[in-house]
């Protein structure tokens, strides 16, 4: 998971009505979609989940997602992480490549965030 600070992603009034209270990140997710597209990553439309704003990434045989969310009660504190869903049969047979796909996606996400002019204090966090 990446954590960082940036004031470049404004929170819209009522944005957390689509997530859990106090969970923001819609502007960050829309910005990141554009950066991922420029990098050649096939992404879908941003959607809300309880835990943050999700970016679906076209991938097979498992689904990949990037999640953007506010990190604390402090405005401008963010966290971003990537994960894979699916591939249960591959996991059972020892042929699951989802970790590699998540690692590659995470690398592109991290570079995008590090290169954004307004980001500060980018760090990898373990949760």
N, C-alpha and C. Protein backbone atom coordinates (compact mmCIF):
# COMPACT_ATOMS: atom_id res chain seq x y z
N UNK A 1 0.84 -1.16 0.00
CA UNK A 1 0.00 0.00 0.00
C UNK A 1 0.90 1.24 0.00
N UNK A 2 0.48 2.24 -0.77
CA UNK A 2 1.16 3.52 -0.77
C UNK A 2 0.39 4.51 0.08
N UNK A 3 1.10 5.30 0.83
CA UNK A 3 0.51 6.41 1.55
C UNK A 3 1.26 7.66 1.14
N UNK A 4 0.53 8.77 1.00
CA UNK A 4 1.17 10.02 0.59
C UNK A 4 0.27 11.19 0.94
N UNK A 5 0.82 12.37 0.78
CA UNK A 5 0.07 13.59 1.03
C UNK A 5 0.00 14.38 -0.27
N UNK A 6 -1.14 15.01 -0.50
CA UNK A 6 -1.33 15.89 -1.65
C UNK A 6 -2.61 16.68 -1.46
N UNK A 7 -2.55 17.96 -1.78
CA UNK A 7 -3.75 18.79 -1.72
C UNK A 7 -4.38 18.92 -3.11
N UNK A 8 -3.91 18.15 -4.08
CA UNK A 8 -4.38 18.23 -5.46
C UNK A 8 -5.69 17.50 -5.73
N UNK A 9 -6.25 16.81 -4.74
CA UNK A 9 -7.44 16.00 -4.96
C UNK A 9 -8.56 16.45 -4.03
N UNK A 10 -9.35 17.40 -4.48
CA UNK A 10 -10.40 17.95 -3.61
C UNK A 10 -11.51 16.94 -3.32
N UNK A 11 -12.08 17.10 -2.17
CA UNK A 11 -13.21 16.26 -1.75
C UNK A 11 -14.50 16.99 -2.10
N UNK A 12 -15.41 16.29 -2.77
CA UNK A 12 -16.70 16.86 -3.12
C UNK A 12 -17.66 16.72 -1.94
N UNK A 13 -18.51 17.73 -1.71
CA UNK A 13 -19.50 17.60 -0.62
C UNK A 13 -20.37 16.35 -0.83
N UNK A 14 -20.51 15.57 0.22
CA UNK A 14 -21.34 14.37 0.17
C UNK A 14 -20.70 13.19 -0.52
N UNK A 15 -19.44 13.31 -0.90
CA UNK A 15 -18.74 12.22 -1.62
C UNK A 15 -18.76 10.92 -0.84
N UNK A 16 -18.68 11.00 0.48
CA UNK A 16 -18.64 9.78 1.27
C UNK A 16 -20.00 9.13 1.47
N UNK A 17 -21.04 9.67 0.83
CA UNK A 17 -22.35 9.00 0.86
C UNK A 17 -22.30 7.70 0.06
N UNK A 18 -21.35 7.61 -0.88
CA UNK A 18 -21.20 6.41 -1.70
C UNK A 18 -20.21 5.41 -1.11
N UNK A 19 -19.49 5.82 -0.07
CA UNK A 19 -18.54 4.95 0.62
C UNK A 19 -18.94 4.95 2.10
N UNK A 20 -18.06 4.53 2.97
CA UNK A 20 -18.31 4.68 4.40
C UNK A 20 -18.06 6.13 4.80
N UNK A 21 -18.70 6.61 5.85
CA UNK A 21 -18.47 7.99 6.28
C UNK A 21 -16.98 8.28 6.48
N UNK A 22 -16.55 9.42 5.93
CA UNK A 22 -15.15 9.83 6.07
C UNK A 22 -14.19 9.19 5.09
N UNK A 23 -14.68 8.38 4.17
CA UNK A 23 -13.82 7.76 3.16
C UNK A 23 -13.97 8.53 1.86
N UNK A 24 -12.89 9.20 1.46
CA UNK A 24 -12.88 10.01 0.25
C UNK A 24 -11.84 9.47 -0.72
N UNK A 25 -11.74 10.07 -1.88
CA UNK A 25 -10.73 9.65 -2.85
C UNK A 25 -11.23 9.63 -4.28
N UNK A 26 -12.42 10.14 -4.51
CA UNK A 26 -13.00 10.11 -5.85
C UNK A 26 -12.14 10.90 -6.85
N UNK A 27 -11.73 12.10 -6.50
CA UNK A 27 -10.90 12.91 -7.41
C UNK A 27 -9.57 12.22 -7.67
N UNK A 28 -8.98 11.63 -6.63
CA UNK A 28 -7.72 10.89 -6.78
C UNK A 28 -7.91 9.72 -7.74
N UNK A 29 -8.98 8.97 -7.58
CA UNK A 29 -9.24 7.82 -8.45
C UNK A 29 -9.41 8.25 -9.91
N UNK A 30 -10.14 9.32 -10.15
CA UNK A 30 -10.32 9.79 -11.53
C UNK A 30 -9.01 10.28 -12.13
N UNK A 31 -8.19 10.94 -11.33
CA UNK A 31 -6.87 11.38 -11.80
C UNK A 31 -6.01 10.16 -12.13
N UNK A 32 -6.02 9.16 -11.25
CA UNK A 32 -5.19 7.97 -11.45
C UNK A 32 -5.64 7.17 -12.67
N UNK A 33 -6.95 7.12 -12.94
CA UNK A 33 -7.44 6.46 -14.16
C UNK A 33 -6.77 7.05 -15.38
N UNK A 34 -6.71 8.37 -15.45
CA UNK A 34 -6.09 9.02 -16.61
C UNK A 34 -4.60 8.72 -16.69
N UNK A 35 -3.92 8.71 -15.57
CA UNK A 35 -2.47 8.40 -15.57
C UNK A 35 -2.25 6.96 -16.01
N UNK A 36 -3.08 6.03 -15.53
CA UNK A 36 -2.93 4.63 -15.92
C UNK A 36 -3.21 4.44 -17.41
N UNK A 37 -4.21 5.13 -17.94
CA UNK A 37 -4.49 5.05 -19.38
C UNK A 37 -3.30 5.53 -20.19
N UNK A 38 -2.69 6.64 -19.78
CA UNK A 38 -1.51 7.17 -20.47
C UNK A 38 -0.38 6.13 -20.44
N UNK A 39 -0.29 5.39 -19.35
CA UNK A 39 0.75 4.35 -19.21
C UNK A 39 0.39 3.06 -19.94
N UNK A 40 -0.78 3.03 -20.59
CA UNK A 40 -1.17 1.85 -21.35
C UNK A 40 -1.88 0.78 -20.56
N UNK A 41 -2.31 1.10 -19.35
CA UNK A 41 -3.03 0.13 -18.51
C UNK A 41 -4.52 0.19 -18.89
N UNK A 42 -5.13 -0.94 -19.23
CA UNK A 42 -6.55 -0.96 -19.62
C UNK A 42 -7.47 -0.89 -18.41
N UNK A 43 -7.95 0.29 -18.10
CA UNK A 43 -8.78 0.50 -16.92
C UNK A 43 -10.22 0.77 -17.30
N UNK A 44 -11.13 0.48 -16.38
CA UNK A 44 -12.55 0.78 -16.56
C UNK A 44 -12.91 2.03 -15.79
N UNK A 45 -14.20 2.21 -15.58
CA UNK A 45 -14.71 3.39 -14.89
C UNK A 45 -14.62 3.23 -13.38
N UNK A 46 -14.35 4.32 -12.71
CA UNK A 46 -14.26 4.37 -11.25
C UNK A 46 -15.63 4.07 -10.64
N UNK A 47 -15.64 3.29 -9.56
CA UNK A 47 -16.87 3.04 -8.83
C UNK A 47 -16.58 3.03 -7.33
N UNK A 48 -17.61 3.28 -6.54
CA UNK A 48 -17.48 3.36 -5.09
C UNK A 48 -17.71 2.00 -4.44
N UNK A 49 -16.94 1.73 -3.41
CA UNK A 49 -17.13 0.61 -2.50
C UNK A 49 -17.10 1.19 -1.09
N UNK A 50 -17.46 0.41 -0.11
CA UNK A 50 -17.44 0.90 1.27
C UNK A 50 -16.07 1.42 1.69
N UNK A 51 -15.02 0.77 1.22
CA UNK A 51 -13.66 1.03 1.67
C UNK A 51 -12.89 2.03 0.81
N UNK A 52 -13.48 2.53 -0.29
CA UNK A 52 -12.78 3.50 -1.12
C UNK A 52 -13.32 3.54 -2.53
N UNK A 53 -12.60 4.24 -3.38
CA UNK A 53 -12.96 4.40 -4.78
C UNK A 53 -12.11 3.46 -5.61
N UNK A 54 -12.77 2.55 -6.34
CA UNK A 54 -12.10 1.46 -7.05
C UNK A 54 -11.94 1.75 -8.53
N UNK A 55 -10.81 1.31 -9.04
CA UNK A 55 -10.51 1.36 -10.46
C UNK A 55 -10.34 -0.08 -10.93
N UNK A 56 -11.25 -0.58 -11.78
CA UNK A 56 -11.08 -1.93 -12.31
C UNK A 56 -10.04 -1.92 -13.43
N UNK A 57 -9.23 -2.96 -13.47
CA UNK A 57 -8.21 -3.11 -14.50
C UNK A 57 -8.50 -4.39 -15.25
N UNK A 58 -8.56 -4.29 -16.57
CA UNK A 58 -8.86 -5.47 -17.39
C UNK A 58 -7.67 -6.42 -17.32
N UNK A 59 -7.96 -7.64 -16.89
CA UNK A 59 -6.93 -8.65 -16.73
C UNK A 59 -7.61 -10.01 -16.69
N UNK A 60 -6.91 -11.03 -17.14
CA UNK A 60 -7.44 -12.39 -17.08
C UNK A 60 -6.31 -13.31 -16.62
N UNK A 61 -6.56 -14.32 -15.88
CA UNK A 61 -7.86 -14.90 -15.52
C UNK A 61 -8.45 -14.32 -14.24
N UNK A 62 -7.80 -13.34 -13.65
CA UNK A 62 -8.28 -12.76 -12.40
C UNK A 62 -8.56 -11.28 -12.63
N UNK A 63 -9.39 -10.71 -11.82
CA UNK A 63 -9.70 -9.29 -11.90
C UNK A 63 -8.72 -8.51 -11.03
N UNK A 64 -8.25 -7.39 -11.55
CA UNK A 64 -7.36 -6.51 -10.79
C UNK A 64 -8.09 -5.21 -10.47
N UNK A 65 -7.74 -4.64 -9.32
CA UNK A 65 -8.34 -3.39 -8.90
C UNK A 65 -7.28 -2.52 -8.23
N UNK A 66 -7.46 -1.21 -8.36
CA UNK A 66 -6.70 -0.23 -7.60
C UNK A 66 -7.73 0.50 -6.75
N UNK A 67 -7.42 0.72 -5.49
CA UNK A 67 -8.34 1.41 -4.58
C UNK A 67 -7.67 2.68 -4.07
N UNK A 68 -8.43 3.76 -4.10
CA UNK A 68 -8.00 5.06 -3.58
C UNK A 68 -8.89 5.43 -2.41
N UNK A 69 -8.28 5.87 -1.32
CA UNK A 69 -9.06 6.25 -0.14
C UNK A 69 -8.31 7.28 0.68
N UNK A 70 -9.07 8.05 1.42
CA UNK A 70 -8.45 8.97 2.36
C UNK A 70 -7.78 8.14 3.45
N UNK A 71 -6.72 8.71 4.03
CA UNK A 71 -5.92 7.94 4.95
C UNK A 71 -6.19 8.25 6.42
N UNK A 72 -6.69 9.43 6.69
CA UNK A 72 -6.91 9.81 8.09
C UNK A 72 -7.93 10.94 8.13
N UNK A 73 -8.06 11.52 9.28
CA UNK A 73 -8.95 12.66 9.43
C UNK A 73 -8.33 13.94 8.85
N UNK A 74 -7.05 13.89 8.52
CA UNK A 74 -6.36 15.04 7.95
C UNK A 74 -6.67 15.15 6.46
N UNK A 75 -7.08 16.32 6.02
CA UNK A 75 -7.33 16.54 4.60
C UNK A 75 -6.02 16.37 3.83
N UNK A 76 -6.11 15.72 2.68
CA UNK A 76 -4.94 15.58 1.82
C UNK A 76 -4.03 14.41 2.15
N UNK A 77 -4.47 13.52 3.01
CA UNK A 77 -3.71 12.30 3.32
C UNK A 77 -4.39 11.14 2.61
N UNK A 78 -3.63 10.40 1.79
CA UNK A 78 -4.21 9.38 0.92
C UNK A 78 -3.51 8.04 1.04
N UNK A 79 -4.23 7.00 0.65
CA UNK A 79 -3.65 5.66 0.53
C UNK A 79 -4.18 5.03 -0.75
N UNK A 80 -3.33 4.25 -1.39
CA UNK A 80 -3.68 3.58 -2.63
C UNK A 80 -3.12 2.16 -2.57
N UNK A 81 -3.92 1.18 -2.96
CA UNK A 81 -3.42 -0.18 -3.01
C UNK A 81 -4.04 -0.93 -4.18
N UNK A 82 -3.39 -2.00 -4.58
CA UNK A 82 -3.87 -2.84 -5.68
C UNK A 82 -4.09 -4.24 -5.14
N UNK A 83 -5.08 -4.92 -5.73
CA UNK A 83 -5.33 -6.31 -5.33
C UNK A 83 -5.95 -7.07 -6.50
N UNK A 84 -5.93 -8.39 -6.39
CA UNK A 84 -6.50 -9.28 -7.41
C UNK A 84 -7.63 -10.08 -6.80
N UNK A 85 -8.63 -10.35 -7.62
CA UNK A 85 -9.74 -11.23 -7.25
C UNK A 85 -9.79 -12.36 -8.26
N UNK A 86 -10.31 -13.48 -7.85
CA UNK A 86 -10.50 -14.59 -8.79
C UNK A 86 -9.28 -15.49 -8.86
N UNK A 87 -9.30 -16.38 -9.84
CA UNK A 87 -8.19 -17.30 -10.03
C UNK A 87 -8.11 -18.40 -8.99
N UNK A 88 -9.23 -18.77 -8.40
CA UNK A 88 -9.23 -19.78 -7.34
C UNK A 88 -8.66 -21.11 -7.83
N UNK A 89 -9.04 -21.54 -9.01
CA UNK A 89 -8.54 -22.82 -9.54
C UNK A 89 -7.03 -22.75 -9.72
N UNK A 90 -6.54 -21.65 -10.27
CA UNK A 90 -5.10 -21.48 -10.44
C UNK A 90 -4.35 -21.52 -9.13
N UNK A 91 -4.94 -20.91 -8.11
CA UNK A 91 -4.31 -20.93 -6.79
C UNK A 91 -4.24 -22.36 -6.25
N UNK A 92 -5.34 -23.09 -6.42
CA UNK A 92 -5.37 -24.47 -5.93
C UNK A 92 -4.36 -25.35 -6.66
N UNK A 93 -4.13 -25.08 -7.93
CA UNK A 93 -3.20 -25.87 -8.72
C UNK A 93 -1.78 -25.32 -8.71
N UNK A 94 -1.57 -24.22 -7.99
CA UNK A 94 -0.24 -23.65 -7.90
C UNK A 94 0.19 -22.87 -9.14
N UNK A 95 -0.76 -22.47 -9.97
CA UNK A 95 -0.40 -21.75 -11.21
C UNK A 95 -0.88 -20.29 -11.17
N UNK A 96 -1.19 -19.81 -10.02
CA UNK A 96 -1.71 -18.45 -9.89
C UNK A 96 -0.61 -17.43 -10.14
N UNK A 97 -0.84 -16.54 -11.07
CA UNK A 97 0.11 -15.47 -11.42
C UNK A 97 -0.39 -14.11 -10.95
N UNK A 98 -1.42 -14.09 -10.10
CA UNK A 98 -2.00 -12.81 -9.71
C UNK A 98 -1.01 -11.94 -8.95
N UNK A 99 -0.12 -12.52 -8.16
CA UNK A 99 0.85 -11.72 -7.41
C UNK A 99 1.75 -10.94 -8.36
N UNK A 100 2.14 -11.56 -9.47
CA UNK A 100 2.96 -10.86 -10.46
C UNK A 100 2.18 -9.72 -11.11
N UNK A 101 0.93 -9.97 -11.44
CA UNK A 101 0.10 -8.94 -12.07
C UNK A 101 -0.12 -7.76 -11.12
N UNK A 102 -0.37 -8.04 -9.85
CA UNK A 102 -0.56 -6.99 -8.85
C UNK A 102 0.74 -6.20 -8.68
N UNK A 103 1.87 -6.90 -8.63
CA UNK A 103 3.16 -6.23 -8.49
C UNK A 103 3.42 -5.27 -9.66
N UNK A 104 3.16 -5.73 -10.88
CA UNK A 104 3.38 -4.89 -12.06
C UNK A 104 2.45 -3.67 -12.05
N UNK A 105 1.19 -3.88 -11.71
CA UNK A 105 0.23 -2.79 -11.63
C UNK A 105 0.64 -1.79 -10.54
N UNK A 106 1.02 -2.30 -9.39
CA UNK A 106 1.45 -1.46 -8.27
C UNK A 106 2.63 -0.58 -8.68
N UNK A 107 3.55 -1.13 -9.45
CA UNK A 107 4.72 -0.38 -9.91
C UNK A 107 4.29 0.82 -10.75
N UNK A 108 3.35 0.63 -11.66
CA UNK A 108 2.86 1.73 -12.51
C UNK A 108 2.14 2.76 -11.66
N UNK A 109 1.33 2.31 -10.72
CA UNK A 109 0.61 3.21 -9.82
C UNK A 109 1.61 4.04 -9.01
N UNK A 110 2.61 3.39 -8.45
CA UNK A 110 3.60 4.07 -7.62
C UNK A 110 4.35 5.13 -8.44
N UNK A 111 4.78 4.79 -9.64
CA UNK A 111 5.46 5.76 -10.48
C UNK A 111 4.57 6.95 -10.80
N UNK A 112 3.33 6.70 -11.10
CA UNK A 112 2.39 7.78 -11.40
C UNK A 112 2.26 8.74 -10.22
N UNK A 113 2.13 8.20 -9.03
CA UNK A 113 1.98 9.03 -7.84
C UNK A 113 3.27 9.77 -7.53
N UNK A 114 4.40 9.08 -7.62
CA UNK A 114 5.68 9.73 -7.34
C UNK A 114 5.97 10.87 -8.31
N UNK A 115 5.51 10.76 -9.54
CA UNK A 115 5.78 11.78 -10.56
C UNK A 115 4.79 12.93 -10.54
N UNK A 116 3.74 12.83 -9.77
CA UNK A 116 2.75 13.92 -9.69
C UNK A 116 3.39 15.08 -8.93
N UNK A 117 3.30 16.29 -9.50
CA UNK A 117 3.98 17.43 -8.89
C UNK A 117 3.55 17.75 -7.46
N UNK A 118 2.31 17.50 -7.09
CA UNK A 118 1.82 17.89 -5.78
C UNK A 118 1.96 16.86 -4.69
N UNK A 119 2.52 15.70 -4.96
CA UNK A 119 2.58 14.66 -3.93
C UNK A 119 3.81 14.84 -3.05
N UNK A 120 3.62 14.51 -1.78
CA UNK A 120 4.71 14.59 -0.80
C UNK A 120 4.66 13.35 0.09
N UNK A 121 5.76 13.05 0.67
CA UNK A 121 5.86 11.98 1.69
C UNK A 121 5.32 10.64 1.18
N UNK A 122 5.67 10.27 -0.04
CA UNK A 122 5.22 8.97 -0.58
C UNK A 122 5.99 7.87 0.16
N UNK A 123 5.24 6.93 0.69
CA UNK A 123 5.89 5.81 1.38
C UNK A 123 5.07 4.55 1.22
N UNK A 124 5.74 3.42 1.28
CA UNK A 124 5.05 2.14 1.25
C UNK A 124 4.73 1.75 2.67
N UNK A 125 3.49 1.38 2.89
CA UNK A 125 3.04 1.00 4.23
C UNK A 125 2.57 -0.44 4.19
N UNK A 126 2.77 -1.13 5.27
CA UNK A 126 2.30 -2.51 5.41
C UNK A 126 1.12 -2.49 6.36
N UNK A 127 0.06 -3.13 5.93
CA UNK A 127 -1.13 -3.15 6.79
C UNK A 127 -1.47 -4.55 7.18
